[in-house]
Amino acid sequence: MEQAIALKSEEYDAYFWKGMLLAYYYRGRLHFEEAKMVIEQALTLGLPPVLLTPLYWFEKDNPTFFKQYAGQLLEQHEL
């Protein structure tokens, strides 16, 4: 993901998927904060909110992240 971001830092894709990977594989609070930051960066760069729907995967796979961030973001975007 880091290489993809370095090559195309103006595109949202790699930021979003980096956030997903951080939340899936690194479950500490520090990584949650970084995951939130890069997902927000993806939105800033133009990620259509409908593409946030994979965040629902965390409802089962990482309930803490879903409760603390993903669920609220989905609700905010009425998804």
N, C-alpha and C. Protein backbone atom coordinates (compact mmCIF):
# COMPACT_ATOMS: atom_id res chain seq x y z
N MET A 1 0.82 -1.18 0.00
CA MET A 1 0.00 0.00 0.00
C MET A 1 0.87 1.26 0.00
N GLU A 2 1.96 1.17 0.75
CA GLU A 2 2.85 2.34 0.81
C GLU A 2 3.39 2.70 -0.58
N GLN A 3 3.75 1.70 -1.37
CA GLN A 3 4.26 1.96 -2.71
C GLN A 3 3.16 2.55 -3.60
N ALA A 4 1.98 2.03 -3.48
CA ALA A 4 0.86 2.56 -4.27
C ALA A 4 0.58 4.01 -3.90
N ILE A 5 0.62 4.32 -2.62
CA ILE A 5 0.40 5.70 -2.18
C ILE A 5 1.52 6.60 -2.70
N ALA A 6 2.74 6.12 -2.63
CA ALA A 6 3.88 6.92 -3.13
C ALA A 6 3.76 7.18 -4.63
N LEU A 7 3.28 6.20 -5.38
CA LEU A 7 3.17 6.36 -6.83
C LEU A 7 1.99 7.23 -7.25
N LYS A 8 0.89 7.11 -6.52
CA LYS A 8 -0.33 7.84 -6.89
C LYS A 8 -0.97 8.44 -5.64
N SER A 9 -0.28 9.38 -5.05
CA SER A 9 -0.74 9.95 -3.78
C SER A 9 -2.01 10.78 -3.91
N GLU A 10 -2.41 11.11 -5.13
CA GLU A 10 -3.61 11.91 -5.33
C GLU A 10 -4.86 11.05 -5.53
N GLU A 11 -4.70 9.73 -5.52
CA GLU A 11 -5.84 8.84 -5.70
C GLU A 11 -6.22 8.18 -4.37
N TYR A 12 -7.48 7.92 -4.18
CA TYR A 12 -8.01 7.47 -2.90
C TYR A 12 -7.90 5.98 -2.63
N ASP A 13 -7.77 5.17 -3.66
CA ASP A 13 -7.86 3.71 -3.51
C ASP A 13 -6.91 3.14 -2.45
N ALA A 14 -5.64 3.41 -2.60
CA ALA A 14 -4.64 2.82 -1.71
C ALA A 14 -4.83 3.29 -0.27
N TYR A 15 -5.25 4.53 -0.09
CA TYR A 15 -5.49 5.02 1.28
C TYR A 15 -6.61 4.21 1.94
N PHE A 16 -7.69 4.02 1.22
CA PHE A 16 -8.81 3.27 1.79
C PHE A 16 -8.39 1.85 2.16
N TRP A 17 -7.74 1.16 1.23
CA TRP A 17 -7.37 -0.23 1.50
C TRP A 17 -6.28 -0.34 2.55
N LYS A 18 -5.43 0.67 2.66
CA LYS A 18 -4.45 0.66 3.76
C LYS A 18 -5.20 0.74 5.09
N GLY A 19 -6.21 1.59 5.15
CA GLY A 19 -7.02 1.68 6.37
C GLY A 19 -7.70 0.37 6.70
N MET A 20 -8.23 -0.29 5.70
CA MET A 20 -8.87 -1.60 5.91
C MET A 20 -7.86 -2.61 6.46
N LEU A 21 -6.69 -2.66 5.86
CA LEU A 21 -5.67 -3.61 6.30
C LEU A 21 -5.20 -3.31 7.72
N LEU A 22 -5.01 -2.05 8.04
CA LEU A 22 -4.59 -1.69 9.39
C LEU A 22 -5.62 -2.14 10.42
N ALA A 23 -6.88 -1.94 10.12
CA ALA A 23 -7.94 -2.32 11.06
C ALA A 23 -8.10 -3.84 11.15
N TYR A 24 -7.82 -4.55 10.08
CA TYR A 24 -7.95 -6.00 10.10
C TYR A 24 -6.80 -6.69 10.81
N TYR A 25 -5.60 -6.29 10.48
CA TYR A 25 -4.44 -7.07 10.91
C TYR A 25 -3.71 -6.51 12.12
N TYR A 26 -3.89 -5.25 12.41
CA TYR A 26 -3.20 -4.64 13.54
C TYR A 26 -4.26 -4.02 14.43
N ARG A 27 -4.58 -4.69 15.50
CA ARG A 27 -5.77 -4.31 16.27
C ARG A 27 -5.51 -3.36 17.43
N GLY A 28 -4.33 -2.82 17.54
CA GLY A 28 -4.06 -1.89 18.63
C GLY A 28 -4.63 -0.51 18.37
N ARG A 29 -4.78 0.26 19.42
CA ARG A 29 -5.36 1.60 19.31
C ARG A 29 -4.59 2.50 18.36
N LEU A 30 -3.27 2.41 18.39
CA LEU A 30 -2.44 3.22 17.50
C LEU A 30 -2.79 2.94 16.05
N HIS A 31 -2.99 1.69 15.72
CA HIS A 31 -3.32 1.33 14.34
C HIS A 31 -4.75 1.74 13.99
N PHE A 32 -5.66 1.74 14.96
CA PHE A 32 -7.01 2.22 14.71
C PHE A 32 -6.96 3.68 14.31
N GLU A 33 -6.14 4.46 15.02
CA GLU A 33 -6.03 5.88 14.71
C GLU A 33 -5.46 6.08 13.32
N GLU A 34 -4.45 5.32 12.96
CA GLU A 34 -3.87 5.42 11.62
C GLU A 34 -4.88 4.97 10.57
N ALA A 35 -5.62 3.91 10.85
CA ALA A 35 -6.64 3.43 9.92
C ALA A 35 -7.69 4.52 9.69
N LYS A 36 -8.14 5.15 10.76
CA LYS A 36 -9.12 6.22 10.62
C LYS A 36 -8.54 7.36 9.79
N MET A 37 -7.29 7.71 10.03
CA MET A 37 -6.66 8.82 9.33
C MET A 37 -6.59 8.56 7.83
N VAL A 38 -6.18 7.36 7.43
CA VAL A 38 -6.04 7.11 5.99
C VAL A 38 -7.40 6.93 5.31
N ILE A 39 -8.40 6.42 6.02
CA ILE A 39 -9.74 6.34 5.44
C ILE A 39 -10.30 7.75 5.24
N GLU A 40 -10.07 8.62 6.21
CA GLU A 40 -10.48 10.02 6.07
C GLU A 40 -9.75 10.67 4.90
N GLN A 41 -8.48 10.34 4.71
CA GLN A 41 -7.72 10.88 3.58
C GLN A 41 -8.34 10.41 2.26
N ALA A 42 -8.75 9.16 2.21
CA ALA A 42 -9.40 8.64 1.01
C ALA A 42 -10.67 9.43 0.69
N LEU A 43 -11.45 9.74 1.72
CA LEU A 43 -12.66 10.54 1.52
C LEU A 43 -12.31 11.94 1.03
N THR A 44 -11.28 12.52 1.61
CA THR A 44 -10.84 13.85 1.20
C THR A 44 -10.41 13.87 -0.27
N LEU A 45 -9.81 12.77 -0.71
CA LEU A 45 -9.34 12.68 -2.09
C LEU A 45 -10.45 12.29 -3.07
N GLY A 46 -11.66 12.09 -2.57
CA GLY A 46 -12.78 11.86 -3.46
C GLY A 46 -13.40 10.47 -3.45
N LEU A 47 -13.05 9.65 -2.47
CA LEU A 47 -13.68 8.34 -2.37
C LEU A 47 -15.19 8.53 -2.27
N PRO A 48 -15.96 7.97 -3.19
CA PRO A 48 -17.42 8.06 -3.06
C PRO A 48 -17.87 7.32 -1.80
N PRO A 49 -18.66 7.96 -0.96
CA PRO A 49 -19.05 7.33 0.30
C PRO A 49 -19.66 5.93 0.16
N VAL A 50 -20.33 5.64 -0.95
CA VAL A 50 -20.90 4.31 -1.12
C VAL A 50 -19.82 3.24 -1.09
N LEU A 51 -18.59 3.59 -1.43
CA LEU A 51 -17.49 2.62 -1.40
C LEU A 51 -16.98 2.34 0.01
N LEU A 52 -17.61 2.97 1.00
CA LEU A 52 -17.28 2.68 2.40
C LEU A 52 -17.96 1.40 2.89
N THR A 53 -18.86 0.84 2.11
CA THR A 53 -19.63 -0.31 2.59
C THR A 53 -18.78 -1.50 3.05
N PRO A 54 -17.56 -1.73 2.54
CA PRO A 54 -16.76 -2.82 3.12
C PRO A 54 -16.47 -2.63 4.61
N LEU A 55 -16.67 -1.42 5.12
CA LEU A 55 -16.48 -1.21 6.56
C LEU A 55 -17.46 -2.05 7.38
N TYR A 56 -18.55 -2.48 6.78
CA TYR A 56 -19.49 -3.35 7.49
C TYR A 56 -18.86 -4.69 7.85
N TRP A 57 -17.82 -5.10 7.15
CA TRP A 57 -17.13 -6.34 7.48
C TRP A 57 -16.63 -6.33 8.92
N PHE A 58 -16.31 -5.14 9.41
CA PHE A 58 -15.77 -5.05 10.77
C PHE A 58 -16.82 -5.29 11.85
N GLU A 59 -18.07 -5.20 11.50
CA GLU A 59 -19.12 -5.46 12.48
C GLU A 59 -18.93 -6.84 13.10
N LYS A 60 -18.51 -7.81 12.28
CA LYS A 60 -18.25 -9.16 12.76
C LYS A 60 -16.77 -9.39 13.04
N ASP A 61 -15.92 -8.94 12.13
CA ASP A 61 -14.50 -9.28 12.19
C ASP A 61 -13.67 -8.45 13.17
N ASN A 62 -14.11 -7.25 13.46
CA ASN A 62 -13.40 -6.39 14.41
C ASN A 62 -14.42 -5.44 15.05
N PRO A 63 -15.25 -5.97 15.95
CA PRO A 63 -16.33 -5.18 16.53
C PRO A 63 -15.87 -3.91 17.24
N THR A 64 -14.69 -3.93 17.81
CA THR A 64 -14.20 -2.74 18.50
C THR A 64 -14.01 -1.60 17.52
N PHE A 65 -13.34 -1.87 16.41
CA PHE A 65 -13.14 -0.84 15.39
C PHE A 65 -14.48 -0.39 14.82
N PHE A 66 -15.38 -1.33 14.60
CA PHE A 66 -16.69 -0.97 14.07
C PHE A 66 -17.43 -0.05 15.03
N LYS A 67 -17.41 -0.39 16.29
CA LYS A 67 -18.13 0.41 17.29
C LYS A 67 -17.49 1.78 17.46
N GLN A 68 -16.17 1.83 17.49
CA GLN A 68 -15.48 3.09 17.75
C GLN A 68 -15.39 4.01 16.55
N TYR A 69 -15.51 3.46 15.33
CA TYR A 69 -15.30 4.32 14.17
C TYR A 69 -16.17 3.96 12.97
N ALA A 70 -16.03 2.75 12.46
CA ALA A 70 -16.64 2.39 11.17
C ALA A 70 -18.15 2.56 11.18
N GLY A 71 -18.81 2.09 12.21
CA GLY A 71 -20.27 2.21 12.28
C GLY A 71 -20.73 3.65 12.26
N GLN A 72 -20.02 4.49 12.99
CA GLN A 72 -20.37 5.92 13.03
C GLN A 72 -20.16 6.57 11.67
N LEU A 73 -19.08 6.22 11.00
CA LEU A 73 -18.81 6.79 9.68
C LEU A 73 -19.87 6.36 8.68
N LEU A 74 -20.24 5.09 8.73
CA LEU A 74 -21.30 4.60 7.83
C LEU A 74 -22.63 5.32 8.10
N GLU A 75 -22.94 5.49 9.36
CA GLU A 75 -24.17 6.19 9.73
C GLU A 75 -24.12 7.64 9.26
N GLN A 76 -22.98 8.28 9.43
CA GLN A 76 -22.80 9.67 9.02
C GLN A 76 -23.08 9.84 7.52
N HIS A 77 -22.70 8.85 6.74
CA HIS A 77 -22.90 8.90 5.29
C HIS A 77 -24.19 8.19 4.86
N GLU A 78 -25.03 7.87 5.85
CA GLU A 78 -26.34 7.25 5.63
C GLU A 78 -26.24 5.96 4.81
N LEU A 79 -25.27 5.13 5.20
CA LEU A 79 -25.10 3.84 4.53
C LEU A 79 -25.55 2.76 5.47
